[in-house]
Amino acid sequence: MSFSVHGESITDGNASGGIAVTLYESGSTTVRTLGAKEVLHVTDVRIQLESDYPASLVSDSKAAGRYLVHGRMSAKGGVIIHFSKPYVCPPGTGLKFYGADNNLNTCLIEGFIREG
């Protein structure tokens, strides 16, 4: 079985320590938590920062080196990425967004969840 989801991490403050991307069932405000055997497939990412600052979207942890996006964003600029082949996260693992230490940070994702 497959569930379409969207996720967001929006903060008007410090995102430099990493903020979990909250997943929602598509078309609703119901928060979706990943089960231990469920796998998140990411198809689209949109990141925008108010400040000129590095930003990362990570599956698992920075130490594990599972970066979907990593680079410096220009102030009020951003990036939109469509993966023609979805990025597959490890089972039961969500995403963390690392952004600026002040101002508005926005990270949105689209994708789907499948049983592993």
PDB file of N, CA and C in Angstrom:
ATOM      1  N   MET A   1       0.838  -1.171   0.000  1.00  0.00           N
ATOM      2  CA  MET A   1       0.000   0.000   0.000  1.00  0.00           C
ATOM      3  C   MET A   1       0.890   1.244   0.000  1.00  0.00           C
ATOM      4  N   SER A   2       0.433   2.282  -0.666  1.00  0.00           N
ATOM      5  CA  SER A   2       1.207   3.515  -0.799  1.00  0.00           C
ATOM      6  C   SER A   2       0.355   4.698  -0.353  1.00  0.00           C
ATOM      7  N   PHE A   3       0.967   5.641   0.360  1.00  0.00           N
ATOM      8  CA  PHE A   3       0.297   6.851   0.814  1.00  0.00           C
ATOM      9  C   PHE A   3       1.023   8.060   0.252  1.00  0.00           C
ATOM     10  N   SER A   4       0.321   8.968  -0.402  1.00  0.00           N
ATOM     11  CA  SER A   4       0.929  10.229  -0.832  1.00  0.00           C
ATOM     12  C   SER A   4       1.047  11.145   0.366  1.00  0.00           C
ATOM     13  N   VAL A   5       2.178  11.839   0.471  1.00  0.00           N
ATOM     14  CA  VAL A   5       2.406  12.748   1.588  1.00  0.00           C
ATOM     15  C   VAL A   5       3.072  14.028   1.111  1.00  0.00           C
ATOM     16  N   HIS A   6       2.921  15.060   1.916  1.00  0.00           N
ATOM     17  CA  HIS A   6       3.733  16.261   1.762  1.00  0.00           C
ATOM     18  C   HIS A   6       4.325  16.553   3.131  1.00  0.00           C
ATOM     19  N   GLY A   7       5.432  17.266   3.144  1.00  0.00           N
ATOM     20  CA  GLY A   7       6.076  17.567   4.407  1.00  0.00           C
ATOM     21  C   GLY A   7       6.509  19.008   4.449  1.00  0.00           C
ATOM     22  N   GLU A   8       6.645  19.517   5.659  1.00  0.00           N
ATOM     23  CA  GLU A   8       7.093  20.905   5.783  1.00  0.00           C
ATOM     24  C   GLU A   8       7.875  21.117   7.061  1.00  0.00           C
ATOM     25  N   SER A   9       8.817  22.015   6.957  1.00  0.00           N
ATOM     26  CA  SER A   9       9.578  22.515   8.092  1.00  0.00           C
ATOM     27  C   SER A   9       9.686  24.012   7.871  1.00  0.00           C
ATOM     28  N   ILE A  10       8.909  24.763   8.612  1.00  0.00           N
ATOM     29  CA  ILE A  10       8.885  26.216   8.462  1.00  0.00           C
ATOM     30  C   ILE A  10       9.145  26.817   9.832  1.00  0.00           C
ATOM     31  N   THR A  11      10.165  27.660   9.922  1.00  0.00           N
ATOM     32  CA  THR A  11      10.467  28.281  11.202  1.00  0.00           C
ATOM     33  C   THR A  11      10.866  29.731  10.988  1.00  0.00           C
ATOM     34  N   ASP A  12      10.462  30.572  11.902  1.00  0.00           N
ATOM     35  CA  ASP A  12      10.877  31.961  11.905  1.00  0.00           C
ATOM     36  C   ASP A  12      11.867  32.108  13.061  1.00  0.00           C
ATOM     37  N   GLY A  13      12.995  31.450  12.914  1.00  0.00           N
ATOM     38  CA  GLY A  13      13.994  31.447  13.973  1.00  0.00           C
ATOM     39  C   GLY A  13      15.131  30.518  13.617  1.00  0.00           C
ATOM     40  N   ASN A  14      15.701  29.886  14.616  1.00  0.00           N
ATOM     41  CA  ASN A  14      16.916  29.111  14.436  1.00  0.00           C
ATOM     42  C   ASN A  14      16.638  27.708  13.890  1.00  0.00           C
ATOM     43  N   ALA A  15      17.163  27.424  12.698  1.00  0.00           N
ATOM     44  CA  ALA A  15      17.057  26.087  12.104  1.00  0.00           C
ATOM     45  C   ALA A  15      18.434  25.466  11.923  1.00  0.00           C
ATOM     46  N   SER A  16      19.462  26.077  12.516  1.00  0.00           N
ATOM     47  CA  SER A  16      20.831  25.597  12.301  1.00  0.00           C
ATOM     48  C   SER A  16      21.100  24.273  12.995  1.00  0.00           C
ATOM     49  N   GLY A  17      20.327  23.925  14.017  1.00  0.00           N
ATOM     50  CA  GLY A  17      20.522  22.666  14.730  1.00  0.00           C
ATOM     51  C   GLY A  17      19.739  21.513  14.148  1.00  0.00           C
ATOM     52  N   GLY A  18      18.960  21.764  13.120  1.00  0.00           N
ATOM     53  CA  GLY A  18      18.171  20.716  12.475  1.00  0.00           C
ATOM     54  C   GLY A  18      16.762  20.644  13.037  1.00  0.00           C
ATOM     55  N   ILE A  19      15.809  20.632  12.143  1.00  0.00           N
ATOM     56  CA  ILE A  19      14.391  20.557  12.511  1.00  0.00           C
ATOM     57  C   ILE A  19      13.760  19.432  11.706  1.00  0.00           C
ATOM     58  N   ALA A  20      13.023  18.566  12.377  1.00  0.00           N
ATOM     59  CA  ALA A  20      12.356  17.458  11.692  1.00  0.00           C
ATOM     60  C   ALA A  20      11.332  18.002  10.700  1.00  0.00           C
ATOM     61  N   VAL A  21      11.270  17.383   9.541  1.00  0.00           N
ATOM     62  CA  VAL A  21      10.258  17.730   8.545  1.00  0.00           C
ATOM     63  C   VAL A  21       8.995  16.954   8.911  1.00  0.00           C
ATOM     64  N   THR A  22       7.919  17.676   9.202  1.00  0.00           N
ATOM     65  CA  THR A  22       6.654  17.056   9.573  1.00  0.00           C
ATOM     66  C   THR A  22       5.943  16.571   8.317  1.00  0.00           C
ATOM     67  N   LEU A  23       5.525  15.313   8.319  1.00  0.00           N
ATOM     68  CA  LEU A  23       4.818  14.738   7.182  1.00  0.00           C
ATOM     69  C   LEU A  23       3.314  14.790   7.413  1.00  0.00           C
ATOM     70  N   TYR A  24       2.583  15.044   6.338  1.00  0.00           N
ATOM     71  CA  TYR A  24       1.122  15.081   6.371  1.00  0.00           C
ATOM     72  C   TYR A  24       0.585  14.229   5.239  1.00  0.00           C
ATOM     73  N   GLU A  25      -0.552  13.573   5.475  1.00  0.00           N
ATOM     74  CA  GLU A  25      -1.229  12.874   4.391  1.00  0.00           C
ATOM     75  C   GLU A  25      -1.673  13.921   3.387  1.00  0.00           C
ATOM     76  N   SER A  26      -1.477  13.638   2.102  1.00  0.00           N
ATOM     77  CA  SER A  26      -1.818  14.623   1.070  1.00  0.00           C
ATOM     78  C   SER A  26      -3.275  15.034   1.156  1.00  0.00           C
ATOM     79  N   GLY A  27      -3.477  16.331   1.019  1.00  0.00           N
ATOM     80  CA  GLY A  27      -4.825  16.891   1.041  1.00  0.00           C
ATOM     81  C   GLY A  27      -5.428  16.994   2.426  1.00  0.00           C
ATOM     82  N   SER A  28      -4.616  16.843   3.482  1.00  0.00           N
ATOM     83  CA  SER A  28      -5.173  16.939   4.828  1.00  0.00           C
ATOM     84  C   SER A  28      -4.166  17.592   5.771  1.00  0.00           C
ATOM     85  N   THR A  29      -4.609  17.805   6.983  1.00  0.00           N
ATOM     86  CA  THR A  29      -3.727  18.342   8.018  1.00  0.00           C
ATOM     87  C   THR A  29      -3.387  17.260   9.038  1.00  0.00           C
ATOM     88  N   THR A  30      -3.636  15.994   8.679  1.00  0.00           N
ATOM     89  CA  THR A  30      -3.332  14.873   9.552  1.00  0.00           C
ATOM     90  C   THR A  30      -1.845  14.556   9.492  1.00  0.00           C
ATOM     91  N   VAL A  31      -1.180  14.639  10.642  1.00  0.00           N
ATOM     92  CA  VAL A  31       0.250  14.334  10.707  1.00  0.00           C
ATOM     93  C   VAL A  31       0.443  12.837  10.496  1.00  0.00           C
ATOM     94  N   ARG A  32       1.446  12.487   9.703  1.00  0.00           N
ATOM     95  CA  ARG A  32       1.723  11.079   9.369  1.00  0.00           C
ATOM     96  C   ARG A  32       3.084  10.710   9.945  1.00  0.00           C
ATOM     97  N   THR A  33       3.116   9.759  10.863  1.00  0.00           N
ATOM     98  CA  THR A  33       4.358   9.277  11.449  1.00  0.00           C
ATOM     99  C   THR A  33       4.766   7.995  10.734  1.00  0.00           C
ATOM    100  N   LEU A  34       6.035   7.868  10.416  1.00  0.00           N
ATOM    101  CA  LEU A  34       6.524   6.666   9.742  1.00  0.00           C
ATOM    102  C   LEU A  34       6.616   5.493  10.710  1.00  0.00           C
ATOM    103  N   GLY A  35       6.122   4.342  10.266  1.00  0.00           N
ATOM    104  CA  GLY A  35       6.320   3.113  11.016  1.00  0.00           C
ATOM    105  C   GLY A  35       7.726   2.597  10.783  1.00  0.00           C
ATOM    106  N   ALA A  36       8.169   1.662  11.595  1.00  0.00           N
ATOM    107  CA  ALA A  36       9.545   1.147  11.517  1.00  0.00           C
ATOM    108  C   ALA A  36       9.863   0.522  10.167  1.00  0.00           C
ATOM    109  N   LYS A  37       8.870  -0.049   9.483  1.00  0.00           N
ATOM    110  CA  LYS A  37       9.106  -0.708   8.196  1.00  0.00           C
ATOM    111  C   LYS A  37       8.676   0.137   7.007  1.00  0.00           C
ATOM    112  N   GLU A  38       8.176   1.342   7.271  1.00  0.00           N
ATOM    113  CA  GLU A  38       7.724   2.203   6.180  1.00  0.00           C
ATOM    114  C   GLU A  38       8.885   3.000   5.597  1.00  0.00           C
ATOM    115  N   VAL A  39       8.823   3.222   4.291  1.00  0.00           N
ATOM    116  CA  VAL A  39       9.905   3.897   3.577  1.00  0.00           C
ATOM    117  C   VAL A  39       9.358   5.163   2.912  1.00  0.00           C
ATOM    118  N   LEU A  40      10.010   6.292   3.177  1.00  0.00           N
ATOM    119  CA  LEU A  40       9.646   7.559   2.568  1.00  0.00           C
ATOM    120  C   LEU A  40      10.398   7.725   1.253  1.00  0.00           C
ATOM    121  N   HIS A  41       9.654   7.981   0.183  1.00  0.00           N
ATOM    122  CA  HIS A  41      10.218   8.251  -1.141  1.00  0.00           C
ATOM    123  C   HIS A  41       9.979   9.734  -1.428  1.00  0.00           C
ATOM    124  N   VAL A  42      11.028  10.501  -1.641  1.00  0.00           N
ATOM    125  CA  VAL A  42      10.919  11.946  -1.865  1.00  0.00           C
ATOM    126  C   VAL A  42      11.011  12.227  -3.363  1.00  0.00           C
ATOM    127  N   THR A  43       9.999  12.932  -3.893  1.00  0.00           N
ATOM    128  CA  THR A  43       9.979  13.251  -5.323  1.00  0.00           C
ATOM    129  C   THR A  43      10.307  14.713  -5.598  1.00  0.00           C
ATOM    130  N   ASP A  44       9.949  15.618  -4.675  1.00  0.00           N
ATOM    131  CA  ASP A  44      10.151  17.052  -4.892  1.00  0.00           C
ATOM    132  C   ASP A  44      10.577  17.732  -3.605  1.00  0.00           C
ATOM    133  N   VAL A  45      11.462  18.728  -3.746  1.00  0.00           N
ATOM    134  CA  VAL A  45      11.953  19.511  -2.605  1.00  0.00           C
ATOM    135  C   VAL A  45      11.952  20.983  -2.992  1.00  0.00           C
ATOM    136  N   ARG A  46      11.507  21.822  -2.075  1.00  0.00           N
ATOM    137  CA  ARG A  46      11.596  23.282  -2.255  1.00  0.00           C
ATOM    138  C   ARG A  46      12.160  23.869  -0.969  1.00  0.00           C
ATOM    139  N   ILE A  47      13.260  24.612  -1.093  1.00  0.00           N
ATOM    140  CA  ILE A  47      13.880  25.261   0.065  1.00  0.00           C
ATOM    141  C   ILE A  47      14.040  26.738  -0.235  1.00  0.00           C
ATOM    142  N   GLN A  48      13.684  27.568   0.753  1.00  0.00           N
ATOM    143  CA  GLN A  48      13.870  29.008   0.621  1.00  0.00           C
ATOM    144  C   GLN A  48      14.288  29.573   1.973  1.00  0.00           C
ATOM    145  N   LEU A  49      15.308  30.442   1.941  1.00  0.00           N
ATOM    146  CA  LEU A  49      15.808  31.099   3.147  1.00  0.00           C
ATOM    147  C   LEU A  49      15.750  32.605   2.973  1.00  0.00           C
ATOM    148  N   GLU A  50      15.543  33.323   4.067  1.00  0.00           N
ATOM    149  CA  GLU A  50      15.597  34.782   4.020  1.00  0.00           C
ATOM    150  C   GLU A  50      17.029  35.275   4.020  1.00  0.00           C
ATOM    151  N   SER A  51      17.938  34.485   4.592  1.00  0.00           N
ATOM    152  CA  SER A  51      19.341  34.891   4.736  1.00  0.00           C
ATOM    153  C   SER A  51      20.229  34.141   3.758  1.00  0.00           C
ATOM    154  N   ASP A  52      21.397  34.716   3.474  1.00  0.00           N
ATOM    155  CA  ASP A  52      22.440  34.041   2.712  1.00  0.00           C
ATOM    156  C   ASP A  52      23.098  33.064   3.677  1.00  0.00           C
ATOM    157  N   TYR A  53      22.837  31.753   3.506  1.00  0.00           N
ATOM    158  CA  TYR A  53      23.251  30.785   4.516  1.00  0.00           C
ATOM    159  C   TYR A  53      23.259  29.381   3.906  1.00  0.00           C
ATOM    160  N   PRO A  54      24.091  28.469   4.415  1.00  0.00           N
ATOM    161  CA  PRO A  54      24.035  27.089   3.944  1.00  0.00           C
ATOM    162  C   PRO A  54      22.744  26.410   4.399  1.00  0.00           C
ATOM    163  N   ALA A  55      22.251  25.505   3.577  1.00  0.00           N
ATOM    164  CA  ALA A  55      21.053  24.735   3.930  1.00  0.00           C
ATOM    165  C   ALA A  55      21.269  23.283   3.530  1.00  0.00           C
ATOM    166  N   SER A  56      20.690  22.384   4.314  1.00  0.00           N
ATOM    167  CA  SER A  56      20.790  20.954   4.037  1.00  0.00           C
ATOM    168  C   SER A  56      19.460  20.283   4.343  1.00  0.00           C
ATOM    169  N   LEU A  57      19.139  19.283   3.561  1.00  0.00           N
ATOM    170  CA  LEU A  57      18.028  18.393   3.852  1.00  0.00           C
ATOM    171  C   LEU A  57      18.646  17.009   3.953  1.00  0.00           C
ATOM    172  N   VAL A  58      18.463  16.368   5.112  1.00  0.00           N
ATOM    173  CA  VAL A  58      19.186  15.146   5.427  1.00  0.00           C
ATOM    174  C   VAL A  58      18.210  14.042   5.817  1.00  0.00           C
ATOM    175  N   SER A  59      18.490  12.843   5.326  1.00  0.00           N
ATOM    176  CA  SER A  59      17.766  11.657   5.748  1.00  0.00           C
ATOM    177  C   SER A  59      18.625  10.961   6.785  1.00  0.00           C
ATOM    178  N   ASP A  60      18.077  10.686   7.943  1.00  0.00           N
ATOM    179  CA  ASP A  60      18.794  10.060   9.044  1.00  0.00           C
ATOM    180  C   ASP A  60      19.594  11.125   9.781  1.00  0.00           C
ATOM    181  N   SER A  61      20.897  11.279   9.505  1.00  0.00           N
ATOM    182  CA  SER A  61      21.698  12.275  10.206  1.00  0.00           C
ATOM    183  C   SER A  61      22.819  12.778   9.300  1.00  0.00           C
ATOM    184  N   LYS A  62      23.375  13.938   9.648  1.00  0.00           N
ATOM    185  CA  LYS A  62      24.519  14.454   8.884  1.00  0.00           C
ATOM    186  C   LYS A  62      25.684  13.476   8.947  1.00  0.00           C
ATOM    187  N   ALA A  63      25.861  12.851  10.105  1.00  0.00           N
ATOM    188  CA  ALA A  63      26.973  11.914  10.272  1.00  0.00           C
ATOM    189  C   ALA A  63      26.843  10.718   9.315  1.00  0.00           C
ATOM    190  N   ALA A  64      25.601  10.329   9.020  1.00  0.00           N
ATOM    191  CA  ALA A  64      25.377   9.202   8.104  1.00  0.00           C
ATOM    192  C   ALA A  64      25.639   9.611   6.657  1.00  0.00           C
ATOM    193  N   GLY A  65      25.708  10.918   6.402  1.00  0.00           N
ATOM    194  CA  GLY A  65      26.039  11.420   5.066  1.00  0.00           C
ATOM    195  C   GLY A  65      24.927  11.265   4.048  1.00  0.00           C
ATOM    196  N   ARG A  66      23.683  11.189   4.487  1.00  0.00           N
ATOM    197  CA  ARG A  66      22.553  11.010   3.575  1.00  0.00           C
ATOM    198  C   ARG A  66      21.916  12.360   3.251  1.00  0.00           C
ATOM    199  N   TYR A  67      22.604  13.155   2.432  1.00  0.00           N
ATOM    200  CA  TYR A  67      22.140  14.482   2.058  1.00  0.00           C
ATOM    201  C   TYR A  67      21.288  14.402   0.793  1.00  0.00           C
ATOM    202  N   LEU A  68      20.106  14.981   0.831  1.00  0.00           N
ATOM    203  CA  LEU A  68      19.303  15.147  -0.385  1.00  0.00           C
ATOM    204  C   LEU A  68      19.689  16.455  -1.047  1.00  0.00           C
ATOM    205  N   VAL A  69      19.887  17.485  -0.209  1.00  0.00           N
ATOM    206  CA  VAL A  69      20.258  18.818  -0.674  1.00  0.00           C
ATOM    207  C   VAL A  69      21.302  19.360   0.290  1.00  0.00           C
ATOM    208  N   HIS A  70      22.344  19.988  -0.261  1.00  0.00           N
ATOM    209  CA  HIS A  70      23.346  20.623   0.591  1.00  0.00           C
ATOM    210  C   HIS A  70      24.030  21.717  -0.215  1.00  0.00           C
ATOM    211  N   GLY A  71      23.973  22.938   0.276  1.00  0.00           N
ATOM    212  CA  GLY A  71      24.633  24.041  -0.408  1.00  0.00           C
ATOM    213  C   GLY A  71      24.240  25.373   0.184  1.00  0.00           C
ATOM    214  N   ARG A  72      24.901  26.403  -0.268  1.00  0.00           N
ATOM    215  CA  ARG A  72      24.632  27.754   0.204  1.00  0.00           C
ATOM    216  C   ARG A  72      23.496  28.358  -0.614  1.00  0.00           C
ATOM    217  N   MET A  73      22.528  28.936   0.070  1.00  0.00           N
ATOM    218  CA  MET A  73      21.387  29.580  -0.576  1.00  0.00           C
ATOM    219  C   MET A  73      21.583  31.087  -0.516  1.00  0.00           C
ATOM    220  N   SER A  74      21.256  31.759  -1.588  1.00  0.00           N
ATOM    221  CA  SER A  74      21.337  33.216  -1.573  1.00  0.00           C
ATOM    222  C   SER A  74      20.128  33.777  -0.827  1.00  0.00           C
ATOM    223  N   ALA A  75      20.292  34.956  -0.261  1.00  0.00           N
ATOM    224  CA  ALA A  75      19.213  35.591   0.502  1.00  0.00           C
ATOM    225  C   ALA A  75      17.965  35.734  -0.361  1.00  0.00           C
ATOM    226  N   LYS A  76      16.847  35.335   0.193  1.00  0.00           N
ATOM    227  CA  LYS A  76      15.536  35.368  -0.453  1.00  0.00           C
ATOM    228  C   LYS A  76      15.503  34.548  -1.745  1.00  0.00           C
ATOM    229  N   GLY A  77      16.534  33.736  -1.935  1.00  0.00           N
ATOM    230  CA  GLY A  77      16.567  32.818  -3.070  1.00  0.00           C
ATOM    231  C   GLY A  77      16.150  31.448  -2.597  1.00  0.00           C
ATOM    232  N   GLY A  78      16.340  30.488  -3.432  1.00  0.00           N
ATOM    233  CA  GLY A  78      15.984  29.146  -3.026  1.00  0.00           C
ATOM    234  C   GLY A  78      16.276  28.146  -4.113  1.00  0.00           C
ATOM    235  N   VAL A  79      15.796  26.955  -3.889  1.00  0.00           N
ATOM    236  CA  VAL A  79      16.007  25.876  -4.839  1.00  0.00           C
ATOM    237  C   VAL A  79      14.735  25.031  -4.919  1.00  0.00           C
ATOM    238  N   ILE A  80      14.429  24.588  -6.119  1.00  0.00           N
ATOM    239  CA  ILE A  80      13.330  23.657  -6.343  1.00  0.00           C
ATOM    240  C   ILE A  80      13.925  22.472  -7.096  1.00  0.00           C
ATOM    241  N   ILE A  81      13.738  21.281  -6.549  1.00  0.00           N
ATOM    242  CA  ILE A  81      14.318  20.082  -7.145  1.00  0.00           C
ATOM    243  C   ILE A  81      13.216  19.055  -7.363  1.00  0.00           C
ATOM    244  N   HIS A  82      13.215  18.457  -8.554  1.00  0.00           N
ATOM    245  CA  HIS A  82      12.340  17.318  -8.843  1.00  0.00           C
ATOM    246  C   HIS A  82      13.242  16.130  -9.137  1.00  0.00           C
ATOM    247  N   PHE A  83      13.096  15.065  -8.362  1.00  0.00           N
ATOM    248  CA  PHE A  83      13.868  13.851  -8.585  1.00  0.00           C
ATOM    249  C   PHE A  83      13.108  12.976  -9.588  1.00  0.00           C
ATOM    250  N   SER A  84      13.685  12.718 -10.760  1.00  0.00           N
ATOM    251  CA  SER A  84      13.016  11.862 -11.741  1.00  0.00           C
ATOM    252  C   SER A  84      12.924  10.427 -11.212  1.00  0.00           C
ATOM    253  N   LYS A  85      13.897  10.048 -10.393  1.00  0.00           N
ATOM    254  CA  LYS A  85      13.835   8.787  -9.651  1.00  0.00           C
ATOM    255  C   LYS A  85      13.807   9.187  -8.179  1.00  0.00           C
ATOM    256  N   PRO A  86      12.727   8.875  -7.454  1.00  0.00           N
ATOM    257  CA  PRO A  86      12.608   9.352  -6.067  1.00  0.00           C
ATOM    258  C   PRO A  86      13.800   8.977  -5.185  1.00  0.00           C
ATOM    259  N   TYR A  87      14.137   9.900  -4.279  1.00  0.00           N
ATOM    260  CA  TYR A  87      15.140   9.612  -3.259  1.00  0.00           C
ATOM    261  C   TYR A  87      14.462   8.716  -2.225  1.00  0.00           C
ATOM    262  N   VAL A  88      15.072   7.575  -1.912  1.00  0.00           N
ATOM    263  CA  VAL A  88      14.487   6.608  -0.984  1.00  0.00           C
ATOM    264  C   VAL A  88      15.222   6.691   0.352  1.00  0.00           C
ATOM    265  N   CYS A  89      14.495   7.041   1.401  1.00  0.00           N
ATOM    266  CA  CYS A  89      15.059   7.131   2.747  1.00  0.00           C
ATOM    267  C   CYS A  89      15.135   5.734   3.368  1.00  0.00           C
ATOM    268  N   PRO A  90      16.017   5.534   4.348  1.00  0.00           N
ATOM    269  CA  PRO A  90      16.060   4.251   5.055  1.00  0.00           C
ATOM    270  C   PRO A  90      14.718   3.984   5.761  1.00  0.00           C
ATOM    271  N   PRO A  91      14.334   2.711   5.922  1.00  0.00           N
ATOM    272  CA  PRO A  91      13.057   2.389   6.575  1.00  0.00           C
ATOM    273  C   PRO A  91      12.902   3.075   7.932  1.00  0.00           C
ATOM    274  N   GLY A  92      11.724   3.643   8.168  1.00  0.00           N
ATOM    275  CA  GLY A  92      11.408   4.284   9.437  1.00  0.00           C
ATOM    276  C   GLY A  92      12.099   5.604   9.687  1.00  0.00           C
ATOM    277  N   THR A  93      12.817   6.124   8.688  1.00  0.00           N
ATOM    278  CA  THR A  93      13.609   7.338   8.864  1.00  0.00           C
ATOM    279  C   THR A  93      13.001   8.521   8.121  1.00  0.00           C
ATOM    280  N   GLY A  94      12.808   9.605   8.843  1.00  0.00           N
ATOM    281  CA  GLY A  94      12.284  10.832   8.246  1.00  0.00           C
ATOM    282  C   GLY A  94      13.412  11.749   7.812  1.00  0.00           C
ATOM    283  N   LEU A  95      13.074  13.024   7.643  1.00  0.00           N
ATOM    284  CA  LEU A  95      14.021  14.023   7.152  1.00  0.00           C
ATOM    285  C   LEU A  95      14.246  15.103   8.199  1.00  0.00           C
ATOM    286  N   LYS A  96      15.444  15.689   8.164  1.00  0.00           N
ATOM    287  CA  LYS A  96      15.752  16.866   8.979  1.00  0.00           C
ATOM    288  C   LYS A  96      16.241  17.967   8.066  1.00  0.00           C
ATOM    289  N   PHE A  97      15.794  19.177   8.384  1.00  0.00           N
ATOM    290  CA  PHE A  97      16.171  20.358   7.612  1.00  0.00           C
ATOM    291  C   PHE A  97      17.088  21.223   8.462  1.00  0.00           C
ATOM    292  N   TYR A  98      18.217  21.628   7.879  1.00  0.00           N
ATOM    293  CA  TYR A  98      19.173  22.527   8.527  1.00  0.00           C
ATOM    294  C   TYR A  98      19.218  23.806   7.704  1.00  0.00           C
ATOM    295  N   GLY A  99      18.936  24.938   8.344  1.00  0.00           N
ATOM    296  CA  GLY A  99      18.927  26.208   7.632  1.00  0.00           C
ATOM    297  C   GLY A  99      19.596  27.299   8.427  1.00  0.00           C
ATOM    298  N   ALA A 100      19.140  28.520   8.207  1.00  0.00           N
ATOM    299  CA  ALA A 100      19.739  29.698   8.834  1.00  0.00           C
ATOM    300  C   ALA A 100      19.468  29.745  10.330  1.00  0.00           C
ATOM    301  N   ASP A 101      20.311  30.504  11.034  1.00  0.00           N
ATOM    302  CA  ASP A 101      20.143  30.615  12.478  1.00  0.00           C
ATOM    303  C   ASP A 101      19.218  31.754  12.874  1.00  0.00           C
ATOM    304  N   ASN A 102      18.647  32.427  11.894  1.00  0.00           N
ATOM    305  CA  ASN A 102      17.650  33.462  12.182  1.00  0.00           C
ATOM    306  C   ASN A 102      16.784  33.640  10.941  1.00  0.00           C
ATOM    307  N   ASN A 103      15.779  34.451  11.039  1.00  0.00           N
ATOM    308  CA  ASN A 103      14.880  34.747   9.925  1.00  0.00           C
ATOM    309  C   ASN A 103      14.045  33.532   9.515  1.00  0.00           C
ATOM    310  N   LEU A 104      13.371  33.661   8.393  1.00  0.00           N
ATOM    311  CA  LEU A 104      12.443  32.634   7.935  1.00  0.00           C
ATOM    312  C   LEU A 104      13.161  31.554   7.136  1.00  0.00           C
ATOM    313  N   ASN A 105      12.927  30.299   7.494  1.00  0.00           N
ATOM    314  CA  ASN A 105      13.460  29.123   6.803  1.00  0.00           C
ATOM    315  C   ASN A 105      12.269  28.278   6.365  1.00  0.00           C
ATOM    316  N   THR A 106      12.239  27.885   5.099  1.00  0.00           N
ATOM    317  CA  THR A 106      11.133  27.079   4.595  1.00  0.00           C
ATOM    318  C   THR A 106      11.674  25.879   3.829  1.00  0.00           C
ATOM    319  N   CYS A 107      11.172  24.700   4.156  1.00  0.00           N
ATOM    320  CA  CYS A 107      11.502  23.482   3.424  1.00  0.00           C
ATOM    321  C   CYS A 107      10.205  22.707   3.218  1.00  0.00           C
ATOM    322  N   LEU A 108       9.861  22.434   1.973  1.00  0.00           N
ATOM    323  CA  LEU A 108       8.662  21.674   1.638  1.00  0.00           C
ATOM    324  C   LEU A 108       9.068  20.464   0.810  1.00  0.00           C
ATOM    325  N   ILE A 109       8.420  19.339   1.050  1.00  0.00           N
ATOM    326  CA  ILE A 109       8.696  18.148   0.248  1.00  0.00           C
ATOM    327  C   ILE A 109       7.381  17.530  -0.219  1.00  0.00           C
ATOM    328  N   GLU A 110       7.469  16.764  -1.299  1.00  0.00           N
ATOM    329  CA  GLU A 110       6.369  15.939  -1.785  1.00  0.00           C
ATOM    330  C   GLU A 110       6.925  14.532  -1.941  1.00  0.00           C
ATOM    331  N   GLY A 111       6.077  13.532  -1.764  1.00  0.00           N
ATOM    332  CA  GLY A 111       6.526  12.172  -1.950  1.00  0.00           C
ATOM    333  C   GLY A 111       5.452  11.177  -1.586  1.00  0.00           C
ATOM    334  N   PHE A 112       5.888   9.963  -1.275  1.00  0.00           N
ATOM    335  CA  PHE A 112       4.949   8.925  -0.885  1.00  0.00           C
ATOM    336  C   PHE A 112       5.626   7.951   0.061  1.00  0.00           C
ATOM    337  N   ILE A 113       4.808   7.209   0.795  1.00  0.00           N
ATOM    338  CA  ILE A 113       5.287   6.225   1.770  1.00  0.00           C
ATOM    339  C   ILE A 113       4.823   4.845   1.313  1.00  0.00           C
ATOM    340  N   ARG A 114       5.743   3.890   1.392  1.00  0.00           N
ATOM    341  CA  ARG A 114       5.425   2.482   1.090  1.00  0.00           C
ATOM    342  C   ARG A 114       5.967   1.598   2.203  1.00  0.00           C
ATOM    343  N   GLU A 115       5.357   0.431   2.347  1.00  0.00           N
ATOM    344  CA  GLU A 115       5.883  -0.566   3.276  1.00  0.00           C
ATOM    345  C   GLU A 115       7.220  -1.058   2.745  1.00  0.00           C
ATOM    346  N   GLY A 116       8.196  -1.217   3.631  1.00  0.00           N
ATOM    347  CA  GLY A 116       9.534  -1.660   3.226  1.00  0.00           C
ATOM    348  C   GLY A 116       9.615  -3.139   2.947  1.00  0.00           C
TER     349      GLY A 116
END
